[in-house]
Amino acid sequence: EAQQYLSIVFRPLLAVQSSSSLVAEALVLQQKARISWYDSLIVAAALEAKCSVLYSEDLQHGRKFSGLTIKNPFLEEQ
């Protein structure tokens, strides 16, 4: 049961590992996009994981980073 739990719950959470390339990409994003350091790490990780949508109430709704679109989950879709 523990092995099954780890596979279901933790494996998706560990899809992106910290690396020097992730930090380097976050530095570029921070400067280029003028976003906070922590937001740049989140965006860099989402890009590395090949996510198409990142849900955040802190980043600008509709903003795009390469193939990634920011969506605020608290705004109504129109």
PDB file of N, CA and C in Angstrom:
ATOM      1  N   GLU A   1       0.817  -1.189   0.000  1.00  0.00           N
ATOM      2  CA  GLU A   1       0.000   0.000   0.000  1.00  0.00           C
ATOM      3  C   GLU A   1       0.872   1.269   0.000  1.00  0.00           C
ATOM      4  N   ALA A   2       1.948   1.239   0.764  1.00  0.00           N
ATOM      5  CA  ALA A   2       2.827   2.409   0.821  1.00  0.00           C
ATOM      6  C   ALA A   2       3.460   2.680  -0.543  1.00  0.00           C
ATOM      7  N   GLN A   3       3.893   1.627  -1.223  1.00  0.00           N
ATOM      8  CA  GLN A   3       4.496   1.777  -2.548  1.00  0.00           C
ATOM      9  C   GLN A   3       3.491   2.366  -3.539  1.00  0.00           C
ATOM     10  N   GLN A   4       2.270   1.890  -3.492  1.00  0.00           N
ATOM     11  CA  GLN A   4       1.227   2.405  -4.376  1.00  0.00           C
ATOM     12  C   GLN A   4       0.943   3.874  -4.059  1.00  0.00           C
ATOM     13  N   TYR A   5       0.882   4.215  -2.785  1.00  0.00           N
ATOM     14  CA  TYR A   5       0.652   5.599  -2.366  1.00  0.00           C
ATOM     15  C   TYR A   5       1.752   6.520  -2.897  1.00  0.00           C
ATOM     16  N   LEU A   6       3.005   6.088  -2.739  1.00  0.00           N
ATOM     17  CA  LEU A   6       4.129   6.886  -3.226  1.00  0.00           C
ATOM     18  C   LEU A   6       4.058   7.089  -4.736  1.00  0.00           C
ATOM     19  N   SER A   7       3.697   6.050  -5.456  1.00  0.00           N
ATOM     20  CA  SER A   7       3.602   6.149  -6.909  1.00  0.00           C
ATOM     21  C   SER A   7       2.505   7.104  -7.338  1.00  0.00           C
ATOM     22  N   ILE A   8       1.392   7.062  -6.670  1.00  0.00           N
ATOM     23  CA  ILE A   8       0.244   7.891  -7.059  1.00  0.00           C
ATOM     24  C   ILE A   8       0.417   9.336  -6.602  1.00  0.00           C
ATOM     25  N   VAL A   9       0.865   9.543  -5.380  1.00  0.00           N
ATOM     26  CA  VAL A   9       0.893  10.883  -4.800  1.00  0.00           C
ATOM     27  C   VAL A   9       2.211  11.615  -5.061  1.00  0.00           C
ATOM     28  N   PHE A  10       3.326  10.994  -4.797  1.00  0.00           N
ATOM     29  CA  PHE A  10       4.601  11.713  -4.845  1.00  0.00           C
ATOM     30  C   PHE A  10       5.259  11.765  -6.217  1.00  0.00           C
ATOM     31  N   ARG A  11       5.101  10.770  -7.037  1.00  0.00           N
ATOM     32  CA  ARG A  11       5.786  10.778  -8.331  1.00  0.00           C
ATOM     33  C   ARG A  11       5.436  12.015  -9.156  1.00  0.00           C
ATOM     34  N   PRO A  12       4.157  12.402  -9.280  1.00  0.00           N
ATOM     35  CA  PRO A  12       3.868  13.628 -10.044  1.00  0.00           C
ATOM     36  C   PRO A  12       4.470  14.885  -9.411  1.00  0.00           C
ATOM     37  N   LEU A  13       4.623  14.906  -8.106  1.00  0.00           N
ATOM     38  CA  LEU A  13       5.193  16.068  -7.431  1.00  0.00           C
ATOM     39  C   LEU A  13       6.691  16.196  -7.670  1.00  0.00           C
ATOM     40  N   LEU A  14       7.324  15.113  -8.057  1.00  0.00           N
ATOM     41  CA  LEU A  14       8.771  15.103  -8.246  1.00  0.00           C
ATOM     42  C   LEU A  14       9.152  15.056  -9.721  1.00  0.00           C
ATOM     43  N   ALA A  15       8.278  15.539 -10.584  1.00  0.00           N
ATOM     44  CA  ALA A  15       8.516  15.482 -12.027  1.00  0.00           C
ATOM     45  C   ALA A  15       9.695  16.347 -12.450  1.00  0.00           C
ATOM     46  N   VAL A  16       9.931  17.444 -11.756  1.00  0.00           N
ATOM     47  CA  VAL A  16      11.034  18.345 -12.099  1.00  0.00           C
ATOM     48  C   VAL A  16      11.980  18.427 -10.918  1.00  0.00           C
ATOM     49  N   GLN A  17      13.241  18.144 -11.191  1.00  0.00           N
ATOM     50  CA  GLN A  17      14.259  18.198 -10.152  1.00  0.00           C
ATOM     51  C   GLN A  17      15.016  19.520 -10.248  1.00  0.00           C
ATOM     52  N   SER A  18      15.476  19.981  -9.123  1.00  0.00           N
ATOM     53  CA  SER A  18      16.312  21.173  -9.110  1.00  0.00           C
ATOM     54  C   SER A  18      17.615  20.869  -9.844  1.00  0.00           C
ATOM     55  N   SER A  19      18.050  21.831 -10.636  1.00  0.00           N
ATOM     56  CA  SER A  19      19.295  21.652 -11.385  1.00  0.00           C
ATOM     57  C   SER A  19      19.872  23.028 -11.709  1.00  0.00           C
ATOM     58  N   SER A  20      21.119  23.040 -12.123  1.00  0.00           N
ATOM     59  CA  SER A  20      21.737  24.314 -12.484  1.00  0.00           C
ATOM     60  C   SER A  20      21.061  24.903 -13.720  1.00  0.00           C
ATOM     61  N   SER A  21      20.595  24.060 -14.640  1.00  0.00           N
ATOM     62  CA  SER A  21      19.925  24.577 -15.831  1.00  0.00           C
ATOM     63  C   SER A  21      18.563  25.181 -15.479  1.00  0.00           C
ATOM     64  N   LEU A  22      17.884  24.617 -14.502  1.00  0.00           N
ATOM     65  CA  LEU A  22      16.604  25.176 -14.057  1.00  0.00           C
ATOM     66  C   LEU A  22      16.823  26.550 -13.422  1.00  0.00           C
ATOM     67  N   VAL A  23      17.828  26.660 -12.589  1.00  0.00           N
ATOM     68  CA  VAL A  23      18.143  27.935 -11.936  1.00  0.00           C
ATOM     69  C   VAL A  23      18.592  28.967 -12.981  1.00  0.00           C
ATOM     70  N   ALA A  24      19.392  28.548 -13.964  1.00  0.00           N
ATOM     71  CA  ALA A  24      19.836  29.460 -15.019  1.00  0.00           C
ATOM     72  C   ALA A  24      18.641  29.968 -15.829  1.00  0.00           C
ATOM     73  N   GLU A  25      17.707  29.091 -16.159  1.00  0.00           N
ATOM     74  CA  GLU A  25      16.508  29.500 -16.889  1.00  0.00           C
ATOM     75  C   GLU A  25      15.673  30.459 -16.044  1.00  0.00           C
ATOM     76  N   ALA A  26      15.574  30.201 -14.747  1.00  0.00           N
ATOM     77  CA  ALA A  26      14.824  31.091 -13.848  1.00  0.00           C
ATOM     78  C   ALA A  26      15.468  32.482 -13.803  1.00  0.00           C
ATOM     79  N   LEU A  27      16.791  32.542 -13.797  1.00  0.00           N
ATOM     80  CA  LEU A  27      17.485  33.840 -13.813  1.00  0.00           C
ATOM     81  C   LEU A  27      17.163  34.623 -15.084  1.00  0.00           C
ATOM     82  N   VAL A  28      17.166  33.934 -16.219  1.00  0.00           N
ATOM     83  CA  VAL A  28      16.834  34.581 -17.491  1.00  0.00           C
ATOM     84  C   VAL A  28      15.395  35.089 -17.459  1.00  0.00           C
ATOM     85  N   LEU A  29      14.475  34.246 -16.994  1.00  0.00           N
ATOM     86  CA  LEU A  29      13.065  34.643 -16.910  1.00  0.00           C
ATOM     87  C   LEU A  29      12.875  35.834 -15.975  1.00  0.00           C
ATOM     88  N   GLN A  30      13.563  35.817 -14.853  1.00  0.00           N
ATOM     89  CA  GLN A  30      13.423  36.908 -13.884  1.00  0.00           C
ATOM     90  C   GLN A  30      13.792  38.239 -14.517  1.00  0.00           C
ATOM     91  N   GLN A  31      14.886  38.268 -15.232  1.00  0.00           N
ATOM     92  CA  GLN A  31      15.342  39.508 -15.844  1.00  0.00           C
ATOM     93  C   GLN A  31      14.504  39.875 -17.067  1.00  0.00           C
ATOM     94  N   LYS A  32      14.258  38.907 -17.927  1.00  0.00           N
ATOM     95  CA  LYS A  32      13.556  39.165 -19.182  1.00  0.00           C
ATOM     96  C   LYS A  32      12.081  39.515 -18.949  1.00  0.00           C
ATOM     97  N   ALA A  33      11.413  38.759 -18.080  1.00  0.00           N
ATOM     98  CA  ALA A  33       9.972  38.939 -17.864  1.00  0.00           C
ATOM     99  C   ALA A  33       9.664  39.877 -16.706  1.00  0.00           C
ATOM    100  N   ARG A  34      10.702  40.249 -15.961  1.00  0.00           N
ATOM    101  CA  ARG A  34      10.531  41.131 -14.804  1.00  0.00           C
ATOM    102  C   ARG A  34       9.509  40.583 -13.805  1.00  0.00           C
ATOM    103  N   ILE A  35       9.747  39.334 -13.412  1.00  0.00           N
ATOM    104  CA  ILE A  35       8.914  38.698 -12.387  1.00  0.00           C
ATOM    105  C   ILE A  35       9.802  38.353 -11.201  1.00  0.00           C
ATOM    106  N   SER A  36       9.175  38.057 -10.074  1.00  0.00           N
ATOM    107  CA  SER A  36       9.945  37.775  -8.860  1.00  0.00           C
ATOM    108  C   SER A  36      10.771  36.498  -9.030  1.00  0.00           C
ATOM    109  N   TRP A  37      11.774  36.368  -8.181  1.00  0.00           N
ATOM    110  CA  TRP A  37      12.650  35.201  -8.231  1.00  0.00           C
ATOM    111  C   TRP A  37      11.863  33.913  -8.041  1.00  0.00           C
ATOM    112  N   TYR A  38      10.984  33.874  -7.054  1.00  0.00           N
ATOM    113  CA  TYR A  38      10.222  32.647  -6.783  1.00  0.00           C
ATOM    114  C   TYR A  38       9.256  32.343  -7.912  1.00  0.00           C
ATOM    115  N   ASP A  39       8.617  33.363  -8.482  1.00  0.00           N
ATOM    116  CA  ASP A  39       7.736  33.147  -9.629  1.00  0.00           C
ATOM    117  C   ASP A  39       8.525  32.643 -10.827  1.00  0.00           C
ATOM    118  N   SER A  40       9.732  33.159 -11.007  1.00  0.00           N
ATOM    119  CA  SER A  40      10.544  32.707 -12.134  1.00  0.00           C
ATOM    120  C   SER A  40      10.943  31.240 -11.978  1.00  0.00           C
ATOM    121  N   LEU A  41      11.195  30.804 -10.761  1.00  0.00           N
ATOM    122  CA  LEU A  41      11.481  29.381 -10.525  1.00  0.00           C
ATOM    123  C   LEU A  41      10.276  28.512 -10.845  1.00  0.00           C
ATOM    124  N   ILE A  42       9.091  28.975 -10.466  1.00  0.00           N
ATOM    125  CA  ILE A  42       7.862  28.223 -10.734  1.00  0.00           C
ATOM    126  C   ILE A  42       7.616  28.137 -12.241  1.00  0.00           C
ATOM    127  N   VAL A  43       7.763  29.256 -12.934  1.00  0.00           N
ATOM    128  CA  VAL A  43       7.552  29.268 -14.380  1.00  0.00           C
ATOM    129  C   VAL A  43       8.592  28.388 -15.076  1.00  0.00           C
ATOM    130  N   ALA A  44       9.844  28.477 -14.677  1.00  0.00           N
ATOM    131  CA  ALA A  44      10.898  27.655 -15.274  1.00  0.00           C
ATOM    132  C   ALA A  44      10.615  26.165 -15.073  1.00  0.00           C
ATOM    133  N   ALA A  45      10.150  25.796 -13.885  1.00  0.00           N
ATOM    134  CA  ALA A  45       9.822  24.395 -13.611  1.00  0.00           C
ATOM    135  C   ALA A  45       8.628  23.944 -14.452  1.00  0.00           C
ATOM    136  N   ALA A  46       7.624  24.800 -14.595  1.00  0.00           N
ATOM    137  CA  ALA A  46       6.458  24.455 -15.414  1.00  0.00           C
ATOM    138  C   ALA A  46       6.856  24.286 -16.881  1.00  0.00           C
ATOM    139  N   LEU A  47       7.743  25.149 -17.364  1.00  0.00           N
ATOM    140  CA  LEU A  47       8.230  25.019 -18.741  1.00  0.00           C
ATOM    141  C   LEU A  47       9.022  23.730 -18.924  1.00  0.00           C
ATOM    142  N   GLU A  48       9.867  23.414 -17.947  1.00  0.00           N
ATOM    143  CA  GLU A  48      10.659  22.177 -18.034  1.00  0.00           C
ATOM    144  C   GLU A  48       9.760  20.943 -18.024  1.00  0.00           C
ATOM    145  N   ALA A  49       8.658  21.016 -17.281  1.00  0.00           N
ATOM    146  CA  ALA A  49       7.715  19.890 -17.211  1.00  0.00           C
ATOM    147  C   ALA A  49       6.781  19.860 -18.420  1.00  0.00           C
ATOM    148  N   LYS A  50       6.949  20.813 -19.323  1.00  0.00           N
ATOM    149  CA  LYS A  50       6.143  20.905 -20.529  1.00  0.00           C
ATOM    150  C   LYS A  50       4.655  21.097 -20.237  1.00  0.00           C
ATOM    151  N   CYS A  51       4.381  21.903 -19.212  1.00  0.00           N
ATOM    152  CA  CYS A  51       3.001  22.241 -18.883  1.00  0.00           C
ATOM    153  C   CYS A  51       2.489  23.254 -19.905  1.00  0.00           C
ATOM    154  N   SER A  52       1.208  23.196 -20.187  1.00  0.00           N
ATOM    155  CA  SER A  52       0.624  24.180 -21.100  1.00  0.00           C
ATOM    156  C   SER A  52      -0.099  25.277 -20.326  1.00  0.00           C
ATOM    157  N   VAL A  53      -0.504  24.981 -19.085  1.00  0.00           N
ATOM    158  CA  VAL A  53      -1.214  25.945 -18.240  1.00  0.00           C
ATOM    159  C   VAL A  53      -0.593  25.950 -16.854  1.00  0.00           C
ATOM    160  N   LEU A  54      -0.425  27.157 -16.305  1.00  0.00           N
ATOM    161  CA  LEU A  54       0.017  27.326 -14.918  1.00  0.00           C
ATOM    162  C   LEU A  54      -1.043  28.163 -14.221  1.00  0.00           C
ATOM    163  N   TYR A  55      -1.670  27.598 -13.215  1.00  0.00           N
ATOM    164  CA  TYR A  55      -2.694  28.319 -12.464  1.00  0.00           C
ATOM    165  C   TYR A  55      -2.036  29.112 -11.344  1.00  0.00           C
ATOM    166  N   SER A  56      -2.261  30.421 -11.360  1.00  0.00           N
ATOM    167  CA  SER A  56      -1.665  31.300 -10.367  1.00  0.00           C
ATOM    168  C   SER A  56      -2.500  32.557 -10.232  1.00  0.00           C
ATOM    169  N   GLU A  57      -2.714  32.971  -9.003  1.00  0.00           N
ATOM    170  CA  GLU A  57      -3.400  34.246  -8.806  1.00  0.00           C
ATOM    171  C   GLU A  57      -2.389  35.388  -8.692  1.00  0.00           C
ATOM    172  N   ASP A  58      -1.104  35.061  -8.638  1.00  0.00           N
ATOM    173  CA  ASP A  58      -0.061  36.073  -8.478  1.00  0.00           C
ATOM    174  C   ASP A  58       0.482  36.593  -9.806  1.00  0.00           C
ATOM    175  N   LEU A  59       0.506  35.746 -10.819  1.00  0.00           N
ATOM    176  CA  LEU A  59       1.010  36.158 -12.128  1.00  0.00           C
ATOM    177  C   LEU A  59      -0.136  36.687 -12.979  1.00  0.00           C
ATOM    178  N   GLN A  60       0.194  37.450 -14.002  1.00  0.00           N
ATOM    179  CA  GLN A  60      -0.810  38.093 -14.847  1.00  0.00           C
ATOM    180  C   GLN A  60      -1.604  37.061 -15.647  1.00  0.00           C
ATOM    181  N   HIS A  61      -2.924  37.070 -15.468  1.00  0.00           N
ATOM    182  CA  HIS A  61      -3.830  36.165 -16.178  1.00  0.00           C
ATOM    183  C   HIS A  61      -3.681  36.360 -17.688  1.00  0.00           C
ATOM    184  N   GLY A  62      -3.490  35.267 -18.401  1.00  0.00           N
ATOM    185  CA  GLY A  62      -3.369  35.316 -19.851  1.00  0.00           C
ATOM    186  C   GLY A  62      -1.951  35.510 -20.367  1.00  0.00           C
ATOM    187  N   ARG A  63      -1.025  35.817 -19.483  1.00  0.00           N
ATOM    188  CA  ARG A  63       0.368  36.006 -19.907  1.00  0.00           C
ATOM    189  C   ARG A  63       0.928  34.682 -20.407  1.00  0.00           C
ATOM    190  N   LYS A  64       1.773  34.767 -21.420  1.00  0.00           N
ATOM    191  CA  LYS A  64       2.347  33.562 -22.013  1.00  0.00           C
ATOM    192  C   LYS A  64       3.867  33.560 -21.877  1.00  0.00           C
ATOM    193  N   PHE A  65       4.384  32.401 -21.602  1.00  0.00           N
ATOM    194  CA  PHE A  65       5.823  32.150 -21.559  1.00  0.00           C
ATOM    195  C   PHE A  65       6.053  30.937 -22.458  1.00  0.00           C
ATOM    196  N   SER A  66       6.576  31.173 -23.645  1.00  0.00           N
ATOM    197  CA  SER A  66       6.727  30.100 -24.643  1.00  0.00           C
ATOM    198  C   SER A  66       5.375  29.421 -24.819  1.00  0.00           C
ATOM    199  N   GLY A  67       5.264  28.121 -24.562  1.00  0.00           N
ATOM    200  CA  GLY A  67       3.992  27.411 -24.725  1.00  0.00           C
ATOM    201  C   GLY A  67       3.165  27.348 -23.464  1.00  0.00           C
ATOM    202  N   LEU A  68       3.521  28.135 -22.460  1.00  0.00           N
ATOM    203  CA  LEU A  68       2.847  28.117 -21.159  1.00  0.00           C
ATOM    204  C   LEU A  68       1.956  29.346 -21.019  1.00  0.00           C
ATOM    205  N   THR A  69       0.702  29.128 -20.618  1.00  0.00           N
ATOM    206  CA  THR A  69      -0.243  30.229 -20.406  1.00  0.00           C
ATOM    207  C   THR A  69      -0.602  30.293 -18.934  1.00  0.00           C
ATOM    208  N   ILE A  70      -0.577  31.504 -18.376  1.00  0.00           N
ATOM    209  CA  ILE A  70      -0.948  31.717 -16.976  1.00  0.00           C
ATOM    210  C   ILE A  70      -2.459  31.911 -16.896  1.00  0.00           C
ATOM    211  N   LYS A  71      -3.083  31.201 -15.983  1.00  0.00           N
ATOM    212  CA  LYS A  71      -4.519  31.360 -15.756  1.00  0.00           C
ATOM    213  C   LYS A  71      -4.772  31.573 -14.273  1.00  0.00           C
ATOM    214  N   ASN A  72      -5.581  32.574 -13.974  1.00  0.00           N
ATOM    215  CA  ASN A  72      -5.995  32.817 -12.594  1.00  0.00           C
ATOM    216  C   ASN A  72      -7.241  31.978 -12.348  1.00  0.00           C
ATOM    217  N   PRO A  73      -7.184  31.022 -11.433  1.00  0.00           N
ATOM    218  CA  PRO A  73      -8.333  30.137 -11.225  1.00  0.00           C
ATOM    219  C   PRO A  73      -9.537  30.840 -10.608  1.00  0.00           C
ATOM    220  N   PHE A  74      -9.350  32.075 -10.128  1.00  0.00           N
ATOM    221  CA  PHE A  74     -10.450  32.786  -9.488  1.00  0.00           C
ATOM    222  C   PHE A  74     -11.155  33.756 -10.428  1.00  0.00           C
ATOM    223  N   LEU A  75     -10.675  33.852 -11.657  1.00  0.00           N
ATOM    224  CA  LEU A  75     -11.344  34.690 -12.640  1.00  0.00           C
ATOM    225  C   LEU A  75     -12.288  33.836 -13.470  1.00  0.00           C
ATOM    226  N   GLU A  76     -13.441  34.393 -13.794  1.00  0.00           N
ATOM    227  CA  GLU A  76     -14.392  33.670 -14.636  1.00  0.00           C
ATOM    228  C   GLU A  76     -13.863  33.621 -16.060  1.00  0.00           C
ATOM    229  N   GLU A  77     -14.026  32.483 -16.706  1.00  0.00           N
ATOM    230  CA  GLU A  77     -13.680  32.371 -18.123  1.00  0.00           C
ATOM    231  C   GLU A  77     -14.738  33.089 -18.931  1.00  0.00           C
ATOM    232  N   GLN A  78     -14.311  33.814 -19.923  1.00  0.00           N
ATOM    233  CA  GLN A  78     -15.254  34.543 -20.764  1.00  0.00           C
ATOM    234  C   GLN A  78     -15.227  34.036 -22.162  1.00  0.00           C
TER     235      GLN A  78
END
